[in-house]
């Protein structure tokens, strides 16, 4: 049983390149490439790629901040 202190966000897990692609607004092929090349934070669940929405949001925020500093 989970407690409130487990830091688990309901529905945070995206399973499969299709779900990741839908969340990021890119093609499934692009999502698979980004996970395979370890550009975005992801993991394998068995043979299926997966990512947490919260990790992707954090990754996008960091990439955006880095781009702003470089400009």
C-alpha atoms as a PDB file:
ATOM      1  CA  UNK A   1       0.000   0.000   0.000  1.00  0.00           C
ATOM      2  CA  UNK A   2       1.261   3.472  -0.870  1.00  0.00           C
ATOM      3  CA  UNK A   3       1.499   6.296   1.590  1.00  0.00           C
ATOM      4  CA  UNK A   4       1.313  10.036   0.952  1.00  0.00           C
ATOM      5  CA  UNK A   5       5.087  10.209   1.428  1.00  0.00           C
ATOM      6  CA  UNK A   6       5.957   7.918  -1.484  1.00  0.00           C
ATOM      7  CA  UNK A   7       6.270  10.893  -3.878  1.00  0.00           C
ATOM      8  CA  UNK A   8       4.306   9.016  -6.519  1.00  0.00           C
ATOM      9  CA  UNK A   9       2.331  11.195  -8.885  1.00  0.00           C
ATOM     10  CA  UNK A  10      -0.901   9.625 -10.100  1.00  0.00           C
ATOM     11  CA  UNK A  11      -0.661   8.898 -13.821  1.00  0.00           C
ATOM     12  CA  UNK A  12       2.961  10.102 -14.083  1.00  0.00           C
ATOM     13  CA  UNK A  13       4.202   7.127 -16.098  1.00  0.00           C
ATOM     14  CA  UNK A  14       4.084   7.151 -19.902  1.00  0.00           C
ATOM     15  CA  UNK A  15       4.505   3.649 -21.331  1.00  0.00           C
ATOM     16  CA  UNK A  16       5.555   3.231 -24.944  1.00  0.00           C
ATOM     17  CA  UNK A  17       6.958   5.558 -27.579  1.00  0.00           C
ATOM     18  CA  UNK A  18       3.427   6.426 -28.698  1.00  0.00           C
ATOM     19  CA  UNK A  19       2.461   7.781 -25.250  1.00  0.00           C
ATOM     20  CA  UNK A  20       5.735   9.682 -24.946  1.00  0.00           C
ATOM     21  CA  UNK A  21       5.284  11.126 -28.441  1.00  0.00           C
ATOM     22  CA  UNK A  22       1.729  12.228 -27.714  1.00  0.00           C
ATOM     23  CA  UNK A  23       2.870  13.984 -24.523  1.00  0.00           C
ATOM     24  CA  UNK A  24       5.764  15.777 -26.275  1.00  0.00           C
ATOM     25  CA  UNK A  25       3.828  16.564 -29.462  1.00  0.00           C
ATOM     26  CA  UNK A  26       6.251  14.707 -31.726  1.00  0.00           C
ATOM     27  CA  UNK A  27       6.106  11.584 -33.876  1.00  0.00           C
ATOM     28  CA  UNK A  28       6.418   8.117 -32.405  1.00  0.00           C
ATOM     29  CA  UNK A  29       9.615   7.606 -34.384  1.00  0.00           C
ATOM     30  CA  UNK A  30      11.117  10.803 -32.927  1.00  0.00           C
ATOM     31  CA  UNK A  31      10.177   9.708 -29.410  1.00  0.00           C
ATOM     32  CA  UNK A  32      11.799   6.322 -29.905  1.00  0.00           C
ATOM     33  CA  UNK A  33      14.954   7.976 -31.269  1.00  0.00           C
ATOM     34  CA  UNK A  34      15.140  10.405 -28.331  1.00  0.00           C
ATOM     35  CA  UNK A  35      14.841   7.527 -25.854  1.00  0.00           C
ATOM     36  CA  UNK A  36      17.252   5.250 -27.706  1.00  0.00           C
ATOM     37  CA  UNK A  37      19.878   8.009 -27.942  1.00  0.00           C
ATOM     38  CA  UNK A  38      19.284   8.849 -24.243  1.00  0.00           C
ATOM     39  CA  UNK A  39      18.466  12.475 -25.062  1.00  0.00           C
ATOM     40  CA  UNK A  40      15.350  12.472 -22.911  1.00  0.00           C
ATOM     41  CA  UNK A  41      15.031  10.848 -19.482  1.00  0.00           C
ATOM     42  CA  UNK A  42      13.535   7.401 -19.968  1.00  0.00           C
ATOM     43  CA  UNK A  43      13.795   3.766 -18.955  1.00  0.00           C
ATOM     44  CA  UNK A  44      12.923   0.316 -20.211  1.00  0.00           C
ATOM     45  CA  UNK A  45      10.091  -1.693 -18.692  1.00  0.00           C
ATOM     46  CA  UNK A  46      10.806  -5.109 -20.087  1.00  0.00           C
ATOM     47  CA  UNK A  47      11.294  -4.325 -23.765  1.00  0.00           C
ATOM     48  CA  UNK A  48       9.098  -1.219 -23.759  1.00  0.00           C
ATOM     49  CA  UNK A  49      10.356   2.351 -23.419  1.00  0.00           C
ATOM     50  CA  UNK A  50       8.789   4.434 -20.665  1.00  0.00           C
ATOM     51  CA  UNK A  51       9.212   7.880 -19.163  1.00  0.00           C
ATOM     52  CA  UNK A  52       7.762   9.922 -16.351  1.00  0.00           C
ATOM     53  CA  UNK A  53       5.826  13.040 -17.289  1.00  0.00           C
ATOM     54  CA  UNK A  54       7.447  14.870 -14.371  1.00  0.00           C
ATOM     55  CA  UNK A  55      10.954  13.969 -15.601  1.00  0.00           C
ATOM     56  CA  UNK A  56      10.146  15.130 -19.128  1.00  0.00           C
ATOM     57  CA  UNK A  57       8.717  18.429 -17.847  1.00  0.00           C
ATOM     58  CA  UNK A  58      11.860  18.973 -15.742  1.00  0.00           C
ATOM     59  CA  UNK A  59      14.083  18.088 -18.749  1.00  0.00           C
ATOM     60  CA  UNK A  60      12.205  20.573 -20.967  1.00  0.00           C
ATOM     61  CA  UNK A  61      12.475  23.317 -18.340  1.00  0.00           C
ATOM     62  CA  UNK A  62      16.209  22.753 -17.965  1.00  0.00           C
ATOM     63  CA  UNK A  63      16.727  22.715 -21.745  1.00  0.00           C
ATOM     64  CA  UNK A  64      14.723  25.925 -22.078  1.00  0.00           C
ATOM     65  CA  UNK A  65      16.738  27.639 -19.331  1.00  0.00           C
ATOM     66  CA  UNK A  66      20.002  26.517 -20.889  1.00  0.00           C
ATOM     67  CA  UNK A  67      18.933  27.870 -24.284  1.00  0.00           C
ATOM     68  CA  UNK A  68      17.977  31.202 -22.706  1.00  0.00           C
ATOM     69  CA  UNK A  69      21.396  31.481 -21.033  1.00  0.00           C
ATOM     70  CA  UNK A  70      23.134  30.717 -24.338  1.00  0.00           C
ATOM     71  CA  UNK A  71      21.194  33.418 -26.218  1.00  0.00           C
END
